[in-house]
Amino acid sequence: LDLGCFDGAFVPPPGARVARCDAGFAFAKGSGGVQGDEDRLPFADASFDCVICAGVLDQVNDLPGALTLIRRVLRPDGLFLGAFLGAGSLSALRSALRVAEQERPAARLHPQIEVRSAGDLLMRAGFALPVADVETLNVGYGDVGRLLGDLRGMAATNLLADRRPLGKAALAGLAQAFAAAADDRGRTREKFEIVFLTGWSPDPSQPKPARRGSGTASLTDALKR
């Protein structure tokens, strides 16, 4: 299952059958998939061997519910792979927005998830062998317009239904504050924290953690060698 399939660009391995699902009707139709929210999956339990979800889990209304549903639609020993923007991302843009909107601050970026919290949610959802990791990407931008264009292309702009538009004066202040943080090459470095999630649907054949206290080797002795 390609969950949050966007334009359907994911290329499956040879011989694999792929179902596509996206919350946006246009994306679902264009990729030959079905429309459905990530936290309201329109699939039966134990339908898939693998679920891949890239770039959308940080935007769902009910992330714990979405992870639980993903685990349910996986067959036993099925694999879940996920990736999304995590906490700490877009720090330069956040700082510039605070400067630009000092008198009338507004919510511009949706809340983001820390990697440790993401790992805890995997465990709560019932995944076996859960792993959460993060990779930091630093990208240089010559102006804030380029960054905002990238965010629009990622569908990562403001998701609030009652958001207040950014006026011309605030937009000019944003551009000035963003440019003020530029390096000697005239580029402002923006940070993207990519959280990666891996989890397996439980199955009796999977490795089990050893019983506490069952070890026979001393870590202290090993470190002394």
N, C-alpha and C. Protein backbone atom coordinates (compact mmCIF):
# COMPACT_ATOMS: atom_id res chain seq x y z
N LEU A 1 0.84 -1.19 0.00
CA LEU A 1 0.00 0.00 0.00
C LEU A 1 0.88 1.24 0.00
N ASP A 2 0.69 2.09 -1.00
CA ASP A 2 1.36 3.39 -1.07
C ASP A 2 0.39 4.40 -0.47
N LEU A 3 0.59 4.73 0.80
CA LEU A 3 -0.34 5.57 1.54
C LEU A 3 0.12 7.02 1.49
N GLY A 4 -0.75 7.91 0.99
CA GLY A 4 -0.33 9.27 0.71
C GLY A 4 0.45 9.29 -0.58
N CYS A 5 -0.14 8.70 -1.63
CA CYS A 5 0.59 8.39 -2.87
C CYS A 5 0.94 9.62 -3.69
N PHE A 6 0.30 10.76 -3.43
CA PHE A 6 0.57 12.00 -4.17
C PHE A 6 0.35 11.76 -5.67
N ASP A 7 1.42 11.81 -6.48
CA ASP A 7 1.25 11.64 -7.92
C ASP A 7 1.51 10.22 -8.39
N GLY A 8 1.68 9.28 -7.44
CA GLY A 8 1.90 7.89 -7.82
C GLY A 8 3.27 7.61 -8.39
N ALA A 9 4.27 8.43 -8.02
CA ALA A 9 5.60 8.28 -8.60
C ALA A 9 6.38 7.10 -8.02
N PHE A 10 5.91 6.56 -6.89
CA PHE A 10 6.60 5.41 -6.30
C PHE A 10 6.59 4.23 -7.27
N VAL A 11 7.78 3.68 -7.54
CA VAL A 11 7.92 2.56 -8.47
C VAL A 11 8.05 1.27 -7.66
N PRO A 12 7.11 0.35 -7.76
CA PRO A 12 7.16 -0.88 -6.96
C PRO A 12 8.20 -1.85 -7.51
N PRO A 13 8.67 -2.78 -6.69
CA PRO A 13 9.57 -3.83 -7.17
C PRO A 13 8.88 -4.68 -8.24
N PRO A 14 9.65 -5.29 -9.13
CA PRO A 14 9.05 -6.14 -10.17
C PRO A 14 8.19 -7.24 -9.56
N GLY A 15 7.00 -7.40 -10.08
CA GLY A 15 6.10 -8.45 -9.61
C GLY A 15 5.21 -8.06 -8.45
N ALA A 16 5.45 -6.89 -7.85
CA ALA A 16 4.65 -6.47 -6.70
C ALA A 16 3.35 -5.81 -7.17
N ARG A 17 2.29 -6.05 -6.44
CA ARG A 17 1.02 -5.37 -6.69
C ARG A 17 0.88 -4.23 -5.69
N VAL A 18 0.53 -3.05 -6.19
CA VAL A 18 0.49 -1.86 -5.34
C VAL A 18 -0.89 -1.23 -5.37
N ALA A 19 -1.45 -0.99 -4.19
CA ALA A 19 -2.66 -0.19 -4.04
C ALA A 19 -2.24 1.20 -3.61
N ARG A 20 -2.91 2.21 -4.14
CA ARG A 20 -2.55 3.59 -3.82
C ARG A 20 -3.73 4.28 -3.14
N CYS A 21 -3.40 5.13 -2.18
CA CYS A 21 -4.44 5.84 -1.43
C CYS A 21 -3.94 7.23 -1.09
N ASP A 22 -4.80 8.23 -1.25
CA ASP A 22 -4.43 9.60 -0.91
C ASP A 22 -5.67 10.33 -0.42
N ALA A 23 -5.47 11.27 0.51
CA ALA A 23 -6.59 12.04 1.03
C ALA A 23 -7.15 13.02 0.01
N GLY A 24 -6.33 13.41 -0.97
CA GLY A 24 -6.77 14.33 -2.00
C GLY A 24 -7.41 13.59 -3.17
N PHE A 25 -8.59 14.03 -3.56
CA PHE A 25 -9.31 13.34 -4.64
C PHE A 25 -8.52 13.37 -5.95
N ALA A 26 -7.94 14.53 -6.28
CA ALA A 26 -7.21 14.66 -7.55
C ALA A 26 -6.01 13.72 -7.59
N PHE A 27 -5.26 13.63 -6.47
CA PHE A 27 -4.10 12.74 -6.43
C PHE A 27 -4.53 11.28 -6.50
N ALA A 28 -5.57 10.93 -5.76
CA ALA A 28 -6.05 9.55 -5.78
C ALA A 28 -6.51 9.15 -7.18
N LYS A 29 -7.26 10.03 -7.83
CA LYS A 29 -7.76 9.73 -9.17
C LYS A 29 -6.62 9.66 -10.18
N GLY A 30 -5.70 10.62 -10.10
CA GLY A 30 -4.60 10.67 -11.06
C GLY A 30 -3.66 9.49 -10.98
N SER A 31 -3.53 8.90 -9.80
CA SER A 31 -2.62 7.76 -9.62
C SER A 31 -3.33 6.42 -9.76
N GLY A 32 -4.65 6.47 -10.02
CA GLY A 32 -5.41 5.22 -10.13
C GLY A 32 -5.68 4.57 -8.80
N GLY A 33 -5.66 5.37 -7.72
CA GLY A 33 -5.88 4.83 -6.38
C GLY A 33 -7.26 5.16 -5.86
N VAL A 34 -7.40 5.08 -4.54
CA VAL A 34 -8.66 5.39 -3.88
C VAL A 34 -8.44 6.57 -2.93
N GLN A 35 -9.51 7.32 -2.70
CA GLN A 35 -9.42 8.45 -1.78
C GLN A 35 -9.75 7.98 -0.37
N GLY A 36 -8.94 8.40 0.58
CA GLY A 36 -9.18 8.04 1.97
C GLY A 36 -8.18 8.71 2.87
N ASP A 37 -8.63 9.12 4.05
CA ASP A 37 -7.74 9.72 5.03
C ASP A 37 -6.86 8.65 5.67
N GLU A 38 -5.67 9.09 6.08
CA GLU A 38 -4.74 8.14 6.69
C GLU A 38 -5.26 7.59 8.01
N ASP A 39 -6.09 8.35 8.70
CA ASP A 39 -6.64 7.87 9.97
C ASP A 39 -8.05 7.29 9.80
N ARG A 40 -8.44 7.03 8.54
CA ARG A 40 -9.72 6.37 8.24
C ARG A 40 -9.54 5.49 7.01
N LEU A 41 -8.69 4.52 7.09
CA LEU A 41 -8.32 3.72 5.92
C LEU A 41 -9.48 2.87 5.43
N PRO A 42 -9.74 2.90 4.11
CA PRO A 42 -10.85 2.12 3.54
C PRO A 42 -10.42 0.72 3.10
N PHE A 43 -9.68 0.01 3.96
CA PHE A 43 -9.19 -1.32 3.62
C PHE A 43 -9.47 -2.29 4.76
N ALA A 44 -9.64 -3.55 4.40
CA ALA A 44 -9.89 -4.59 5.39
C ALA A 44 -8.61 -4.92 6.16
N ASP A 45 -8.78 -5.49 7.34
CA ASP A 45 -7.62 -5.91 8.13
C ASP A 45 -6.81 -6.96 7.37
N ALA A 46 -5.49 -6.97 7.62
CA ALA A 46 -4.58 -7.97 7.05
C ALA A 46 -4.66 -8.02 5.53
N SER A 47 -4.64 -6.83 4.90
CA SER A 47 -4.75 -6.77 3.43
C SER A 47 -3.41 -6.64 2.73
N PHE A 48 -2.35 -6.20 3.44
CA PHE A 48 -1.11 -5.85 2.75
C PHE A 48 0.10 -6.47 3.45
N ASP A 49 1.13 -6.74 2.62
CA ASP A 49 2.41 -7.22 3.14
C ASP A 49 3.31 -6.05 3.54
N CYS A 50 3.07 -4.88 2.96
CA CYS A 50 3.91 -3.72 3.24
C CYS A 50 3.09 -2.45 3.06
N VAL A 51 3.28 -1.50 3.95
CA VAL A 51 2.67 -0.18 3.83
C VAL A 51 3.79 0.86 3.85
N ILE A 52 3.82 1.72 2.83
CA ILE A 52 4.80 2.79 2.73
C ILE A 52 4.06 4.12 2.80
N CYS A 53 4.51 4.99 3.68
CA CYS A 53 3.83 6.28 3.87
C CYS A 53 4.89 7.37 4.01
N ALA A 54 5.06 8.19 2.98
CA ALA A 54 6.12 9.19 2.97
C ALA A 54 5.55 10.60 2.90
N GLY A 55 5.87 11.42 3.90
CA GLY A 55 5.59 12.84 3.83
C GLY A 55 4.22 13.30 4.26
N VAL A 56 3.40 12.44 4.87
CA VAL A 56 2.04 12.88 5.20
C VAL A 56 1.64 12.65 6.66
N LEU A 57 2.32 11.78 7.39
CA LEU A 57 1.85 11.43 8.73
C LEU A 57 1.89 12.60 9.70
N ASP A 58 2.75 13.58 9.46
CA ASP A 58 2.78 14.74 10.35
C ASP A 58 1.59 15.67 10.13
N GLN A 59 0.77 15.39 9.11
CA GLN A 59 -0.35 16.26 8.78
C GLN A 59 -1.72 15.66 9.12
N VAL A 60 -1.75 14.43 9.62
CA VAL A 60 -3.04 13.80 9.89
C VAL A 60 -3.60 14.31 11.22
N ASN A 61 -4.92 14.26 11.35
CA ASN A 61 -5.57 14.72 12.58
C ASN A 61 -5.31 13.79 13.75
N ASP A 62 -5.28 12.49 13.49
CA ASP A 62 -5.17 11.49 14.56
C ASP A 62 -4.03 10.54 14.23
N LEU A 63 -2.80 10.92 14.58
CA LEU A 63 -1.64 10.09 14.25
C LEU A 63 -1.66 8.75 14.98
N PRO A 64 -1.94 8.70 16.30
CA PRO A 64 -2.02 7.37 16.94
C PRO A 64 -3.05 6.47 16.26
N GLY A 65 -4.20 7.03 15.89
CA GLY A 65 -5.21 6.23 15.20
C GLY A 65 -4.74 5.77 13.84
N ALA A 66 -4.03 6.64 13.11
CA ALA A 66 -3.53 6.27 11.79
C ALA A 66 -2.53 5.12 11.89
N LEU A 67 -1.61 5.19 12.86
CA LEU A 67 -0.63 4.11 13.02
C LEU A 67 -1.30 2.80 13.41
N THR A 68 -2.32 2.88 14.25
CA THR A 68 -3.05 1.67 14.63
C THR A 68 -3.74 1.04 13.42
N LEU A 69 -4.34 1.87 12.57
CA LEU A 69 -5.00 1.35 11.37
C LEU A 69 -3.99 0.77 10.39
N ILE A 70 -2.83 1.40 10.26
CA ILE A 70 -1.78 0.86 9.39
C ILE A 70 -1.36 -0.52 9.88
N ARG A 71 -1.19 -0.66 11.18
CA ARG A 71 -0.82 -1.97 11.71
C ARG A 71 -1.91 -3.00 11.45
N ARG A 72 -3.16 -2.60 11.54
CA ARG A 72 -4.26 -3.54 11.33
C ARG A 72 -4.36 -4.02 9.88
N VAL A 73 -4.07 -3.13 8.91
CA VAL A 73 -4.20 -3.55 7.51
C VAL A 73 -3.00 -4.38 7.05
N LEU A 74 -1.97 -4.47 7.88
CA LEU A 74 -0.82 -5.32 7.56
C LEU A 74 -1.10 -6.77 7.92
N ARG A 75 -0.61 -7.66 7.07
CA ARG A 75 -0.67 -9.08 7.39
C ARG A 75 0.37 -9.38 8.47
N PRO A 76 0.27 -10.52 9.16
CA PRO A 76 1.29 -10.88 10.15
C PRO A 76 2.69 -10.84 9.53
N ASP A 77 3.62 -10.25 10.23
CA ASP A 77 5.00 -10.07 9.79
C ASP A 77 5.10 -9.09 8.62
N GLY A 78 4.07 -8.26 8.43
CA GLY A 78 4.12 -7.22 7.40
C GLY A 78 4.92 -6.02 7.87
N LEU A 79 5.46 -5.28 6.93
CA LEU A 79 6.40 -4.19 7.22
C LEU A 79 5.76 -2.83 6.96
N PHE A 80 5.97 -1.91 7.89
CA PHE A 80 5.57 -0.51 7.72
C PHE A 80 6.81 0.36 7.63
N LEU A 81 6.85 1.23 6.61
CA LEU A 81 7.93 2.20 6.44
C LEU A 81 7.31 3.58 6.32
N GLY A 82 7.75 4.51 7.15
CA GLY A 82 7.20 5.86 7.12
C GLY A 82 8.29 6.91 7.21
N ALA A 83 8.01 8.09 6.68
CA ALA A 83 8.94 9.22 6.77
C ALA A 83 8.14 10.51 6.71
N PHE A 84 8.56 11.50 7.52
CA PHE A 84 7.87 12.79 7.52
C PHE A 84 8.76 13.84 8.18
N LEU A 85 8.40 15.11 8.00
CA LEU A 85 9.13 16.20 8.65
C LEU A 85 8.85 16.19 10.15
N GLY A 86 9.92 16.19 10.94
CA GLY A 86 9.77 16.12 12.38
C GLY A 86 10.10 17.42 13.08
N ALA A 87 10.02 17.39 14.40
CA ALA A 87 10.30 18.56 15.23
C ALA A 87 11.71 19.08 14.98
N GLY A 88 11.85 20.39 14.96
CA GLY A 88 13.13 21.02 14.67
C GLY A 88 13.26 21.48 13.24
N SER A 89 12.33 21.07 12.38
CA SER A 89 12.36 21.48 10.98
C SER A 89 11.95 22.95 10.84
N LEU A 90 12.47 23.59 9.80
CA LEU A 90 12.07 24.96 9.43
C LEU A 90 12.35 25.97 10.53
N SER A 91 13.46 25.81 11.23
CA SER A 91 13.78 26.72 12.33
C SER A 91 14.05 28.14 11.83
N ALA A 92 14.68 28.28 10.67
CA ALA A 92 14.96 29.62 10.14
C ALA A 92 13.67 30.33 9.76
N LEU A 93 12.73 29.60 9.15
CA LEU A 93 11.45 30.20 8.78
C LEU A 93 10.65 30.60 10.02
N ARG A 94 10.67 29.76 11.03
CA ARG A 94 9.96 30.09 12.27
C ARG A 94 10.51 31.37 12.90
N SER A 95 11.83 31.49 12.94
CA SER A 95 12.44 32.68 13.53
C SER A 95 12.08 33.93 12.74
N ALA A 96 12.12 33.82 11.41
CA ALA A 96 11.80 34.97 10.57
C ALA A 96 10.33 35.36 10.71
N LEU A 97 9.44 34.39 10.86
CA LEU A 97 8.02 34.69 11.06
C LEU A 97 7.78 35.42 12.38
N ARG A 98 8.50 35.01 13.42
CA ARG A 98 8.35 35.69 14.72
C ARG A 98 8.77 37.16 14.62
N VAL A 99 9.84 37.41 13.89
CA VAL A 99 10.29 38.80 13.71
C VAL A 99 9.29 39.59 12.87
N ALA A 100 8.77 38.98 11.81
CA ALA A 100 7.88 39.68 10.89
C ALA A 100 6.52 39.98 11.51
N GLU A 101 6.09 39.16 12.46
CA GLU A 101 4.75 39.32 13.03
C GLU A 101 4.81 39.60 14.53
N GLN A 102 5.70 40.47 14.93
CA GLN A 102 5.87 40.75 16.35
C GLN A 102 4.59 41.25 17.00
N GLU A 103 3.86 42.12 16.33
CA GLU A 103 2.67 42.72 16.94
C GLU A 103 1.46 41.80 16.88
N ARG A 104 1.33 41.01 15.81
CA ARG A 104 0.16 40.14 15.65
C ARG A 104 0.61 38.74 15.23
N PRO A 105 1.25 38.00 16.13
CA PRO A 105 1.70 36.66 15.77
C PRO A 105 0.52 35.74 15.48
N ALA A 106 0.71 34.82 14.54
CA ALA A 106 -0.34 33.87 14.17
C ALA A 106 0.28 32.51 13.95
N ALA A 107 -0.54 31.47 14.09
CA ALA A 107 -0.06 30.11 13.83
C ALA A 107 0.14 29.93 12.33
N ARG A 108 1.37 29.68 11.93
CA ARG A 108 1.68 29.53 10.51
C ARG A 108 2.13 28.12 10.14
N LEU A 109 2.72 27.42 11.10
CA LEU A 109 3.23 26.07 10.83
C LEU A 109 2.57 25.10 11.80
N HIS A 110 2.16 23.95 11.30
CA HIS A 110 1.48 22.99 12.16
C HIS A 110 2.47 22.33 13.13
N PRO A 111 1.99 21.83 14.27
CA PRO A 111 2.87 21.17 15.24
C PRO A 111 3.61 19.99 14.61
N GLN A 112 4.83 19.77 15.08
CA GLN A 112 5.66 18.69 14.53
C GLN A 112 6.03 17.70 15.63
N ILE A 113 6.40 16.51 15.23
CA ILE A 113 6.55 15.38 16.14
C ILE A 113 8.02 15.08 16.37
N GLU A 114 8.41 14.90 17.63
CA GLU A 114 9.77 14.53 17.96
C GLU A 114 10.00 13.05 17.67
N VAL A 115 11.23 12.70 17.35
CA VAL A 115 11.53 11.32 16.97
C VAL A 115 11.25 10.36 18.13
N ARG A 116 11.53 10.78 19.37
CA ARG A 116 11.26 9.89 20.51
C ARG A 116 9.77 9.64 20.67
N SER A 117 8.97 10.69 20.50
CA SER A 117 7.52 10.52 20.59
C SER A 117 7.00 9.63 19.47
N ALA A 118 7.59 9.75 18.29
CA ALA A 118 7.17 8.90 17.17
C ALA A 118 7.43 7.43 17.47
N GLY A 119 8.58 7.13 18.08
CA GLY A 119 8.87 5.75 18.46
C GLY A 119 7.90 5.23 19.50
N ASP A 120 7.53 6.09 20.46
CA ASP A 120 6.55 5.68 21.47
C ASP A 120 5.19 5.38 20.83
N LEU A 121 4.81 6.17 19.83
CA LEU A 121 3.53 5.95 19.16
C LEU A 121 3.52 4.63 18.40
N LEU A 122 4.66 4.25 17.82
CA LEU A 122 4.76 2.95 17.16
C LEU A 122 4.47 1.82 18.14
N MET A 123 5.04 1.92 19.33
CA MET A 123 4.82 0.89 20.34
C MET A 123 3.37 0.86 20.79
N ARG A 124 2.79 2.04 21.00
CA ARG A 124 1.38 2.11 21.42
C ARG A 124 0.45 1.53 20.36
N ALA A 125 0.82 1.67 19.10
CA ALA A 125 -0.01 1.16 18.02
C ALA A 125 0.09 -0.35 17.86
N GLY A 126 1.01 -0.98 18.60
CA GLY A 126 1.11 -2.44 18.56
C GLY A 126 2.12 -2.99 17.60
N PHE A 127 3.04 -2.16 17.09
CA PHE A 127 4.06 -2.66 16.18
C PHE A 127 5.13 -3.44 16.94
N ALA A 128 5.64 -4.46 16.30
CA ALA A 128 6.77 -5.21 16.84
C ALA A 128 8.07 -4.65 16.25
N LEU A 129 9.16 -4.78 17.02
CA LEU A 129 10.48 -4.33 16.58
C LEU A 129 10.46 -2.89 16.04
N PRO A 130 9.87 -1.94 16.77
CA PRO A 130 9.76 -0.57 16.26
C PRO A 130 11.09 0.16 16.27
N VAL A 131 11.32 0.96 15.25
CA VAL A 131 12.54 1.77 15.15
C VAL A 131 12.15 3.15 14.65
N ALA A 132 12.65 4.19 15.32
CA ALA A 132 12.46 5.57 14.89
C ALA A 132 13.83 6.24 14.82
N ASP A 133 14.12 6.87 13.71
CA ASP A 133 15.41 7.52 13.51
C ASP A 133 15.18 8.86 12.82
N VAL A 134 16.21 9.68 12.81
CA VAL A 134 16.06 11.01 12.21
C VAL A 134 17.31 11.35 11.41
N GLU A 135 17.12 12.01 10.30
CA GLU A 135 18.22 12.51 9.47
C GLU A 135 18.02 14.01 9.26
N THR A 136 19.08 14.77 9.45
CA THR A 136 19.00 16.22 9.31
C THR A 136 19.55 16.66 7.95
N LEU A 137 18.75 17.44 7.24
CA LEU A 137 19.17 18.02 5.96
C LEU A 137 19.21 19.53 6.11
N ASN A 138 20.31 20.13 5.66
CA ASN A 138 20.44 21.59 5.66
C ASN A 138 20.50 22.08 4.23
N VAL A 139 19.56 22.95 3.88
CA VAL A 139 19.43 23.43 2.51
C VAL A 139 19.58 24.95 2.49
N GLY A 140 20.39 25.46 1.56
CA GLY A 140 20.58 26.90 1.45
C GLY A 140 19.59 27.54 0.49
N TYR A 141 19.00 28.67 0.90
CA TYR A 141 18.03 29.38 0.07
C TYR A 141 18.47 30.82 -0.13
N GLY A 142 18.39 31.29 -1.38
CA GLY A 142 18.74 32.67 -1.67
C GLY A 142 17.69 33.66 -1.24
N ASP A 143 16.44 33.22 -1.12
CA ASP A 143 15.36 34.07 -0.63
C ASP A 143 14.25 33.19 -0.09
N VAL A 144 13.38 33.79 0.71
CA VAL A 144 12.32 33.02 1.37
C VAL A 144 11.29 32.52 0.37
N GLY A 145 11.15 33.20 -0.77
CA GLY A 145 10.20 32.76 -1.78
C GLY A 145 10.51 31.37 -2.30
N ARG A 146 11.80 31.07 -2.47
CA ARG A 146 12.19 29.73 -2.92
C ARG A 146 11.81 28.67 -1.89
N LEU A 147 12.01 29.00 -0.63
CA LEU A 147 11.64 28.06 0.43
C LEU A 147 10.13 27.84 0.45
N LEU A 148 9.36 28.91 0.38
CA LEU A 148 7.90 28.77 0.38
C LEU A 148 7.42 27.99 -0.83
N GLY A 149 8.08 28.16 -1.96
CA GLY A 149 7.73 27.39 -3.15
C GLY A 149 7.97 25.90 -2.94
N ASP A 150 9.09 25.56 -2.30
CA ASP A 150 9.36 24.15 -2.00
C ASP A 150 8.31 23.58 -1.05
N LEU A 151 7.93 24.37 -0.05
CA LEU A 151 6.93 23.90 0.92
C LEU A 151 5.57 23.68 0.25
N ARG A 152 5.22 24.54 -0.69
CA ARG A 152 3.97 24.33 -1.42
C ARG A 152 4.04 23.04 -2.23
N GLY A 153 5.19 22.80 -2.86
CA GLY A 153 5.35 21.57 -3.62
C GLY A 153 5.30 20.33 -2.76
N MET A 154 5.66 20.46 -1.48
CA MET A 154 5.61 19.35 -0.53
C MET A 154 4.26 19.25 0.17
N ALA A 155 3.34 20.18 -0.14
CA ALA A 155 2.06 20.27 0.57
C ALA A 155 2.30 20.44 2.06
N ALA A 156 3.30 21.24 2.42
CA ALA A 156 3.69 21.41 3.82
C ALA A 156 3.46 22.83 4.31
N THR A 157 2.59 23.57 3.65
CA THR A 157 2.26 24.92 4.11
C THR A 157 1.16 24.85 5.16
N ASN A 158 0.63 26.00 5.55
CA ASN A 158 -0.34 26.08 6.65
C ASN A 158 -1.59 25.25 6.36
N LEU A 159 -1.93 24.34 7.28
CA LEU A 159 -3.08 23.45 7.10
C LEU A 159 -4.31 23.90 7.88
N LEU A 160 -4.20 25.00 8.64
CA LEU A 160 -5.31 25.44 9.46
C LEU A 160 -6.46 25.96 8.60
N ALA A 161 -7.68 25.57 8.93
CA ALA A 161 -8.84 26.00 8.15
C ALA A 161 -9.13 27.48 8.35
N ASP A 162 -8.83 28.02 9.54
CA ASP A 162 -9.14 29.43 9.83
C ASP A 162 -7.88 30.29 9.87
N ARG A 163 -6.91 29.96 9.03
CA ARG A 163 -5.65 30.68 9.05
C ARG A 163 -5.83 32.12 8.57
N ARG A 164 -5.01 33.01 9.12
CA ARG A 164 -5.06 34.41 8.73
C ARG A 164 -4.03 34.66 7.64
N PRO A 165 -4.42 35.32 6.54
CA PRO A 165 -3.47 35.56 5.45
C PRO A 165 -2.27 36.39 5.93
N LEU A 166 -1.14 36.16 5.28
CA LEU A 166 0.06 36.93 5.57
C LEU A 166 0.03 38.19 4.71
N GLY A 167 -0.13 39.36 5.33
CA GLY A 167 -0.26 40.61 4.60
C GLY A 167 1.04 41.02 3.91
N LYS A 168 0.93 42.05 3.05
CA LYS A 168 2.10 42.50 2.30
C LYS A 168 3.21 42.99 3.22
N ALA A 169 2.84 43.74 4.27
CA ALA A 169 3.85 44.26 5.18
C ALA A 169 4.56 43.13 5.92
N ALA A 170 3.77 42.15 6.38
CA ALA A 170 4.37 41.01 7.08
C ALA A 170 5.22 40.18 6.14
N LEU A 171 4.79 40.03 4.89
CA LEU A 171 5.56 39.26 3.92
C LEU A 171 6.89 39.94 3.62
N ALA A 172 6.86 41.28 3.52
CA ALA A 172 8.11 42.01 3.31
C ALA A 172 9.03 41.87 4.51
N GLY A 173 8.45 41.93 5.73
CA GLY A 173 9.25 41.74 6.93
C GLY A 173 9.82 40.34 7.02
N LEU A 174 9.04 39.35 6.57
CA LEU A 174 9.52 37.97 6.55
C LEU A 174 10.72 37.83 5.63
N ALA A 175 10.62 38.40 4.43
CA ALA A 175 11.72 38.31 3.48
C ALA A 175 12.98 38.98 4.04
N GLN A 176 12.79 40.12 4.71
CA GLN A 176 13.94 40.85 5.27
C GLN A 176 14.57 40.06 6.42
N ALA A 177 13.75 39.52 7.32
CA ALA A 177 14.28 38.76 8.45
C ALA A 177 14.96 37.48 7.99
N PHE A 178 14.41 36.83 6.98
CA PHE A 178 15.02 35.60 6.45
C PHE A 178 16.37 35.91 5.81
N ALA A 179 16.43 37.01 5.04
CA ALA A 179 17.68 37.39 4.39
C ALA A 179 18.74 37.81 5.39
N ALA A 180 18.32 38.35 6.54
CA ALA A 180 19.28 38.80 7.55
C ALA A 180 20.06 37.64 8.16
N ALA A 181 19.53 36.44 8.04
CA ALA A 181 20.21 35.27 8.59
C ALA A 181 21.12 34.59 7.57
N ALA A 182 21.33 35.21 6.41
CA ALA A 182 22.11 34.59 5.35
C ALA A 182 23.59 34.53 5.70
N ASP A 183 24.29 33.57 5.10
CA ASP A 183 25.73 33.43 5.30
C ASP A 183 26.46 34.37 4.34
N ASP A 184 27.80 34.24 4.29
CA ASP A 184 28.58 35.15 3.45
C ASP A 184 28.36 34.90 1.96
N ARG A 185 27.67 33.81 1.62
CA ARG A 185 27.34 33.54 0.21
C ARG A 185 25.93 34.00 -0.13
N GLY A 186 25.26 34.65 0.84
CA GLY A 186 23.93 35.17 0.59
C GLY A 186 22.83 34.13 0.66
N ARG A 187 23.12 33.01 1.32
CA ARG A 187 22.13 31.93 1.40
C ARG A 187 21.80 31.64 2.86
N THR A 188 20.52 31.58 3.15
CA THR A 188 20.05 31.25 4.50
C THR A 188 19.86 29.75 4.59
N ARG A 189 20.46 29.15 5.62
CA ARG A 189 20.39 27.69 5.77
C ARG A 189 19.11 27.31 6.51
N GLU A 190 18.31 26.46 5.88
CA GLU A 190 17.09 25.95 6.50
C GLU A 190 17.27 24.48 6.84
N LYS A 191 16.71 24.09 7.97
CA LYS A 191 16.89 22.72 8.47
C LYS A 191 15.62 21.91 8.28
N PHE A 192 15.80 20.70 7.78
CA PHE A 192 14.71 19.73 7.64
C PHE A 192 15.09 18.47 8.42
N GLU A 193 14.30 18.16 9.45
CA GLU A 193 14.53 16.95 10.25
C GLU A 193 13.57 15.87 9.73
N ILE A 194 14.11 14.87 9.04
CA ILE A 194 13.30 13.81 8.46
C ILE A 194 13.25 12.64 9.45
N VAL A 195 12.07 12.35 9.96
CA VAL A 195 11.88 11.23 10.88
C VAL A 195 11.51 9.99 10.07
N PHE A 196 12.24 8.91 10.30
CA PHE A 196 11.99 7.63 9.63
C PHE A 196 11.44 6.63 10.64
N LEU A 197 10.39 5.94 10.27
CA LEU A 197 9.76 4.94 11.13
C LEU A 197 9.77 3.57 10.46
N THR A 198 10.04 2.55 11.26
CA THR A 198 9.97 1.17 10.79
C THR A 198 9.28 0.34 11.87
N GLY A 199 8.35 -0.48 11.46
CA GLY A 199 7.68 -1.37 12.41
C GLY A 199 7.11 -2.57 11.69
N TRP A 200 6.95 -3.66 12.42
CA TRP A 200 6.44 -4.90 11.86
C TRP A 200 5.13 -5.29 12.53
N SER A 201 4.24 -5.84 11.74
CA SER A 201 3.03 -6.42 12.32
C SER A 201 3.42 -7.67 13.09
N PRO A 202 2.97 -7.82 14.33
CA PRO A 202 3.42 -8.94 15.16
C PRO A 202 3.17 -10.30 14.52
N ASP A 203 4.13 -11.20 14.74
CA ASP A 203 4.03 -12.57 14.24
C ASP A 203 4.87 -13.47 15.15
N PRO A 204 4.42 -14.69 15.44
CA PRO A 204 5.17 -15.58 16.33
C PRO A 204 6.58 -15.90 15.85
N SER A 205 6.84 -15.77 14.55
CA SER A 205 8.16 -16.13 14.02
C SER A 205 9.21 -15.05 14.26
N GLN A 206 8.81 -13.88 14.74
CA GLN A 206 9.75 -12.77 14.90
C GLN A 206 10.64 -12.96 16.12
N PRO A 207 11.86 -12.39 16.08
CA PRO A 207 12.75 -12.46 17.25
C PRO A 207 12.10 -11.81 18.46
N LYS A 208 12.34 -12.37 19.62
CA LYS A 208 11.80 -11.84 20.87
C LYS A 208 12.94 -11.31 21.73
N PRO A 209 12.72 -10.22 22.45
CA PRO A 209 13.76 -9.74 23.36
C PRO A 209 14.03 -10.75 24.47
N ALA A 210 15.29 -10.86 24.85
CA ALA A 210 15.66 -11.81 25.90
C ALA A 210 15.02 -11.40 27.23
N ARG A 211 14.73 -12.39 28.06
CA ARG A 211 14.15 -12.13 29.36
C ARG A 211 15.14 -11.35 30.21
N ARG A 212 14.64 -10.34 30.91
CA ARG A 212 15.50 -9.50 31.74
C ARG A 212 16.23 -10.35 32.77
N GLY A 213 17.55 -10.17 32.83
CA GLY A 213 18.36 -10.91 33.77
C GLY A 213 18.84 -12.25 33.26
N SER A 214 18.54 -12.58 31.99
CA SER A 214 18.92 -13.89 31.46
C SER A 214 20.31 -13.90 30.83
N GLY A 215 20.96 -12.73 30.75
CA GLY A 215 22.28 -12.67 30.13
C GLY A 215 23.34 -13.41 30.94
N THR A 216 24.31 -13.95 30.25
CA THR A 216 25.38 -14.71 30.91
C THR A 216 26.74 -14.02 30.78
N ALA A 217 26.83 -12.96 29.96
CA ALA A 217 28.09 -12.24 29.78
C ALA A 217 27.99 -10.88 30.46
N SER A 218 29.10 -10.43 31.01
CA SER A 218 29.15 -9.14 31.70
C SER A 218 29.62 -8.06 30.74
N LEU A 219 28.82 -7.02 30.57
CA LEU A 219 29.22 -5.90 29.74
C LEU A 219 30.42 -5.17 30.35
N THR A 220 30.46 -5.09 31.67
CA THR A 220 31.58 -4.44 32.35
C THR A 220 32.89 -5.15 32.03
N ASP A 221 32.88 -6.49 32.09
CA ASP A 221 34.09 -7.25 31.77
C ASP A 221 34.49 -7.08 30.32
N ALA A 222 33.49 -7.03 29.43
CA ALA A 222 33.79 -6.89 28.00
C ALA A 222 34.44 -5.54 27.70
N LEU A 223 34.01 -4.49 28.39
CA LEU A 223 34.57 -3.16 28.16
C LEU A 223 35.98 -3.02 28.71
N LYS A 224 36.35 -3.87 29.66
CA LYS A 224 37.70 -3.81 30.24
C LYS A 224 38.73 -4.44 29.32
N ARG A 225 38.30 -5.25 28.38
CA ARG A 225 39.25 -5.97 27.52
C ARG A 225 39.86 -5.05 26.48
